[in-house]
Amino acid sequence: MRPITLLTDFGLSDTYVGQVKGSILAIAPGATIVDLTHAVPPQDVLAGAFLLWSAVEVFPPGTVHVAVVDPGVGSLRRAIALATARGDTLVGPDNGLLVLAAERLGGVHRAVELSRSRFWRATPSATFHGRDIFGPVAAHLSAGVPLDELGPPIDDVFRLALPAPVGARGEVIHVDVYGNLVTNFAGVDLPRGFQVVLGDRTVPAAAYYAAVKPGELVAVVGSSGLLEVSVRDGSAAELTGARRGTPVSIEAR
């Protein structure tokens, strides 16, 4: 049975996450379900797409990834599933949430619209497709149902892109729980001997956080492969006031 991951903006104060898991286990009681996060900012599709992109590569090929950040639930937006070149499947709304992760897994190999209601939960709600469509479809996939049985093929999946750096100018694209400022500079593209400019601050680059004294800013390539600005034993977001969209640049040192 293929493992299933869940990423949503549901939070943990209500029972929504538990209900999605219940709909999966009702069909595939032996499924392994892994929570990626349920703390995506409400209805923030771009944030969800980044977090999904950051997580999927570590899972074994063949994993089923369910992502639900869905401000268009109940509207004409499609429910879809994407098969990747690596062999994974992503399930969720057709609003751009899934495509960045699919590209990290080799690109979209096949895509279908989830239009065959026999693979859904009976009498689905118009407001809770995570429980009534996406969860059950993931369970069927985990149990071995082929993707092509779930609906007709499509070739016009909605695409969403993270902002790309322009030369030496980039920006913060994510602030993690530690207050690290994740930028859109890929580590593999950085020059030798550089420093980071963030507002009126110049930040030295290093290989690890402990290269500077406690409370000092440092720029490191983080676990996602992206350059981040951090504070040793502190929060760069709190110290600098930076947030998503704050400009960042690199310069020779």
Protein backbone atom coordinates (compact mmCIF):
# COMPACT_ATOMS: atom_id res chain seq x y z
CA MET A 1 0.00 0.00 0.00
CA ARG A 2 1.38 3.39 -0.99
CA PRO A 3 2.01 5.93 1.81
CA ILE A 4 -0.10 9.10 1.87
CA THR A 5 0.95 12.58 2.99
CA LEU A 6 -1.36 15.42 3.97
CA LEU A 7 -0.79 19.18 3.69
CA THR A 8 -3.62 21.60 4.45
CA ASP A 9 -4.56 24.98 5.86
CA PHE A 10 -7.09 23.35 8.23
CA GLY A 11 -5.17 23.95 11.47
CA LEU A 12 -5.61 21.62 14.45
CA SER A 13 -8.28 23.42 16.49
CA ASP A 14 -11.13 21.74 14.63
CA THR A 15 -11.69 18.13 13.59
CA TYR A 16 -11.14 18.67 9.86
CA VAL A 17 -7.78 16.89 9.66
CA GLY A 18 -9.11 13.93 11.61
CA GLN A 19 -12.12 13.69 9.31
CA VAL A 20 -9.89 13.58 6.22
CA LYS A 21 -7.87 10.78 7.80
CA GLY A 22 -11.09 8.97 8.66
CA SER A 23 -12.24 9.11 5.04
CA ILE A 24 -8.91 7.61 3.97
CA LEU A 25 -8.91 4.84 6.55
CA ALA A 26 -12.50 3.88 5.75
CA ILE A 27 -11.25 2.81 2.30
CA ALA A 28 -7.62 1.87 3.01
CA PRO A 29 -7.40 0.91 6.71
CA GLY A 30 -3.78 -0.17 6.34
CA ALA A 31 -2.57 3.10 4.85
CA THR A 32 0.35 4.98 6.38
CA ILE A 33 -0.60 8.66 6.68
CA VAL A 34 2.06 11.33 7.26
CA ASP A 35 1.18 14.91 8.23
CA LEU A 36 3.39 17.39 6.39
CA THR A 37 1.70 20.43 7.93
CA HIS A 38 -1.77 21.77 8.62
CA ALA A 39 -0.49 25.27 9.39
CA VAL A 40 -0.45 26.73 5.89
CA PRO A 41 -1.82 30.28 6.25
CA PRO A 42 -5.55 30.11 5.48
CA GLN A 43 -6.26 30.14 1.73
CA ASP A 44 -2.62 30.99 0.91
CA VAL A 45 -2.11 28.78 -2.14
CA LEU A 46 1.39 30.04 -2.91
CA ALA A 47 2.59 29.31 0.64
CA GLY A 48 1.09 25.83 0.44
CA ALA A 49 2.72 25.21 -2.93
CA PHE A 50 6.13 26.19 -1.54
CA LEU A 51 5.78 24.00 1.55
CA LEU A 52 4.66 21.02 -0.54
CA TRP A 53 7.59 21.58 -2.92
CA SER A 54 9.97 21.65 0.04
CA ALA A 55 8.81 18.29 1.42
CA VAL A 56 7.94 15.79 -1.30
CA GLU A 57 11.39 14.76 -2.50
CA VAL A 58 12.35 12.89 0.68
CA PHE A 59 9.46 10.42 0.39
CA PRO A 60 9.79 7.15 -1.51
CA PRO A 61 8.73 7.13 -5.17
CA GLY A 62 5.10 6.12 -5.44
CA THR A 63 3.91 8.19 -2.47
CA VAL A 64 0.47 9.80 -2.75
CA HIS A 65 0.54 13.47 -1.69
CA VAL A 66 -2.76 15.13 -0.78
CA ALA A 67 -2.72 18.93 -0.57
CA VAL A 68 -5.76 21.04 0.27
CA VAL A 69 -5.52 24.83 0.27
CA ASP A 70 -8.67 25.53 -1.61
CA PRO A 71 -10.35 28.95 -1.58
CA GLY A 72 -12.32 27.88 -4.67
CA VAL A 73 -13.90 24.79 -3.09
CA GLY A 74 -17.39 24.17 -4.44
CA SER A 75 -16.84 26.40 -7.49
CA LEU A 76 -16.01 25.43 -11.05
CA ARG A 77 -12.35 24.79 -10.20
CA ARG A 78 -11.47 21.17 -10.95
CA ALA A 79 -10.37 18.42 -8.60
CA ILE A 80 -7.31 16.76 -10.12
CA ALA A 81 -4.59 14.17 -9.65
CA LEU A 82 -1.13 14.39 -11.20
CA ALA A 83 1.25 11.50 -11.82
CA THR A 84 4.88 12.56 -11.79
CA ALA A 85 7.79 11.26 -13.81
CA ARG A 86 9.28 9.79 -10.61
CA GLY A 87 6.15 7.74 -9.94
CA ASP A 88 4.47 9.79 -7.22
CA THR A 89 0.88 11.09 -7.37
CA LEU A 90 -0.42 14.46 -6.16
CA VAL A 91 -4.10 14.99 -5.38
CA GLY A 92 -5.84 18.30 -4.79
CA PRO A 93 -7.50 21.33 -6.37
CA ASP A 94 -6.48 22.67 -9.76
CA ASN A 95 -5.33 26.05 -8.48
CA GLY A 96 -1.56 25.72 -8.85
CA LEU A 97 -1.01 24.11 -5.46
CA LEU A 98 0.39 20.84 -6.83
CA VAL A 99 2.51 21.78 -9.82
CA LEU A 100 5.70 23.05 -8.15
CA ALA A 101 5.97 19.80 -6.21
CA ALA A 102 5.30 17.78 -9.35
CA GLU A 103 8.12 19.60 -11.11
CA ARG A 104 10.47 18.73 -8.26
CA LEU A 105 9.54 15.08 -8.80
CA GLY A 106 10.47 15.11 -12.48
CA GLY A 107 7.46 16.94 -13.91
CA VAL A 108 3.85 16.08 -14.66
CA HIS A 109 3.68 12.77 -16.53
CA ARG A 110 -0.13 12.44 -16.64
CA ALA A 111 -3.04 14.41 -15.22
CA VAL A 112 -6.70 13.52 -14.74
CA GLU A 113 -9.81 15.32 -13.57
CA LEU A 114 -11.37 13.56 -10.57
CA SER A 115 -14.85 13.36 -12.05
CA ARG A 116 -15.86 9.75 -11.29
CA SER A 117 -17.92 9.95 -8.14
CA ARG A 118 -17.72 6.23 -7.35
CA PHE A 119 -14.25 6.98 -5.98
CA TRP A 120 -15.55 9.74 -3.70
CA ARG A 121 -17.28 9.63 -0.36
CA ALA A 122 -21.05 9.26 -0.69
CA THR A 123 -23.02 12.54 -0.78
CA PRO A 124 -20.01 14.88 -0.83
CA SER A 125 -20.26 18.31 0.75
CA ALA A 126 -19.74 21.38 -1.43
CA THR A 127 -17.41 22.83 1.22
CA PHE A 128 -15.21 19.89 2.26
CA HIS A 129 -13.63 18.24 -0.76
CA GLY A 130 -10.60 17.31 1.35
CA ARG A 131 -12.72 14.80 3.24
CA ASP A 132 -15.17 13.84 0.53
CA ILE A 133 -13.09 13.75 -2.68
CA PHE A 134 -9.35 14.14 -2.17
CA GLY A 135 -9.02 11.84 0.84
CA PRO A 136 -11.04 8.97 -0.67
CA VAL A 137 -9.25 9.28 -4.03
CA ALA A 138 -5.89 9.12 -2.25
CA ALA A 139 -7.05 6.00 -0.42
CA HIS A 140 -8.03 4.31 -3.69
CA LEU A 141 -4.66 5.23 -5.20
CA SER A 142 -2.88 3.89 -2.14
CA ALA A 143 -4.79 0.63 -2.47
CA GLY A 144 -3.76 0.23 -6.10
CA VAL A 145 -6.48 1.83 -8.25
CA PRO A 146 -4.81 3.13 -11.45
CA LEU A 147 -4.83 6.88 -11.99
CA ASP A 148 -6.62 6.60 -15.33
CA GLU A 149 -9.69 5.05 -13.68
CA LEU A 150 -10.32 8.16 -11.61
CA GLY A 151 -11.32 10.45 -14.46
CA PRO A 152 -10.54 11.68 -17.96
CA PRO A 153 -7.09 12.96 -18.92
CA ILE A 154 -6.43 16.71 -18.96
CA ASP A 155 -3.54 18.72 -20.35
CA ASP A 156 -4.29 22.25 -19.16
CA VAL A 157 -3.42 22.11 -15.48
CA PHE A 158 -3.27 25.52 -13.81
CA ARG A 159 0.34 26.50 -13.13
CA LEU A 160 1.70 28.66 -10.35
CA ALA A 161 5.27 29.93 -10.10
CA LEU A 162 7.32 31.24 -7.21
CA PRO A 163 8.93 34.63 -7.83
CA ALA A 164 12.35 34.18 -9.42
CA PRO A 165 15.44 36.29 -8.68
CA VAL A 166 16.37 38.95 -11.20
CA GLY A 167 20.14 38.95 -11.34
CA ALA A 168 21.42 39.69 -7.85
CA ARG A 169 18.00 40.83 -6.59
CA GLY A 170 15.64 38.40 -4.94
CA GLU A 171 13.16 38.29 -2.08
CA VAL A 172 12.01 36.38 0.96
CA ILE A 173 9.53 33.68 -0.09
CA HIS A 174 8.95 31.94 3.25
CA VAL A 175 9.43 32.57 6.96
CA ASP A 176 9.75 29.32 8.88
CA VAL A 177 8.80 28.56 12.47
CA TYR A 178 12.25 29.62 13.70
CA GLY A 179 12.02 33.00 11.99
CA ASN A 180 14.50 32.02 9.27
CA LEU A 181 13.99 34.08 6.11
CA VAL A 182 14.02 31.66 3.17
CA THR A 183 14.86 33.45 -0.08
CA ASN A 184 14.42 32.54 -3.74
CA PHE A 185 18.17 32.21 -4.35
CA ALA A 186 19.12 28.59 -5.06
CA GLY A 187 22.34 27.59 -3.37
CA VAL A 188 23.72 26.05 -6.55
CA ASP A 189 23.46 29.43 -8.32
CA LEU A 190 25.31 31.50 -5.72
CA PRO A 191 28.74 32.94 -6.50
CA ARG A 192 31.82 32.27 -4.43
CA GLY A 193 32.54 34.86 -1.77
CA PHE A 194 29.29 36.79 -1.33
CA GLN A 195 27.27 38.56 1.32
CA VAL A 196 23.58 39.32 1.61
CA VAL A 197 22.00 42.76 1.79
CA LEU A 198 18.70 42.94 3.65
CA GLY A 199 17.42 46.47 4.13
CA ASP A 200 20.25 48.43 5.75
CA ARG A 201 21.94 45.27 7.03
CA THR A 202 24.82 43.39 5.43
CA VAL A 203 24.80 39.72 6.34
CA PRO A 204 27.84 37.45 6.04
CA ALA A 205 27.50 34.07 4.36
CA ALA A 206 28.62 30.92 6.17
CA ALA A 207 28.23 27.16 5.98
CA TYR A 208 26.27 26.81 9.24
CA TYR A 209 24.46 28.84 11.91
CA ALA A 210 27.16 28.51 14.60
CA ALA A 211 29.71 30.30 12.41
CA VAL A 212 28.59 33.57 14.04
CA LYS A 213 28.03 34.63 17.63
CA PRO A 214 24.62 34.19 19.30
CA GLY A 215 22.23 36.93 18.23
CA GLU A 216 24.10 37.70 15.00
CA LEU A 217 22.70 37.44 11.48
CA VAL A 218 24.12 34.85 9.09
CA ALA A 219 23.21 33.68 5.58
CA VAL A 220 23.31 29.93 4.97
CA VAL A 221 22.02 27.52 2.34
CA GLY A 222 19.27 25.68 4.19
CA SER A 223 17.89 22.17 3.93
CA SER A 224 15.63 23.11 1.01
CA GLY A 225 18.66 24.12 -1.06
CA LEU A 226 17.69 27.79 -0.85
CA LEU A 227 19.61 30.65 0.71
CA GLU A 228 18.17 31.78 4.03
CA VAL A 229 18.95 34.61 6.42
CA SER A 230 19.00 33.48 10.03
CA VAL A 231 19.94 34.60 13.50
CA ARG A 232 21.97 32.25 15.63
CA ASP A 233 19.78 31.31 18.61
CA GLY A 234 17.14 33.81 17.54
CA SER A 235 14.63 34.91 14.91
CA ALA A 236 15.73 36.84 11.84
CA ALA A 237 12.12 37.81 11.18
CA GLU A 238 11.81 39.44 14.61
CA LEU A 239 15.22 41.10 14.46
CA THR A 240 14.82 42.59 10.97
CA GLY A 241 11.06 42.94 10.58
CA ALA A 242 11.32 41.14 7.23
CA ARG A 243 8.48 39.01 5.88
CA ARG A 244 7.49 37.30 2.66
CA GLY A 245 8.17 39.64 -0.23
CA THR A 246 10.92 41.63 1.53
CA PRO A 247 13.69 42.40 -1.01
CA VAL A 248 17.05 40.67 -0.59
CA SER A 249 20.16 41.03 -2.72
CA ILE A 250 23.57 39.42 -2.92
CA GLU A 251 26.84 41.17 -3.60
CA ALA A 252 30.48 40.17 -3.96
CA ARG A 253 32.58 40.31 -0.83
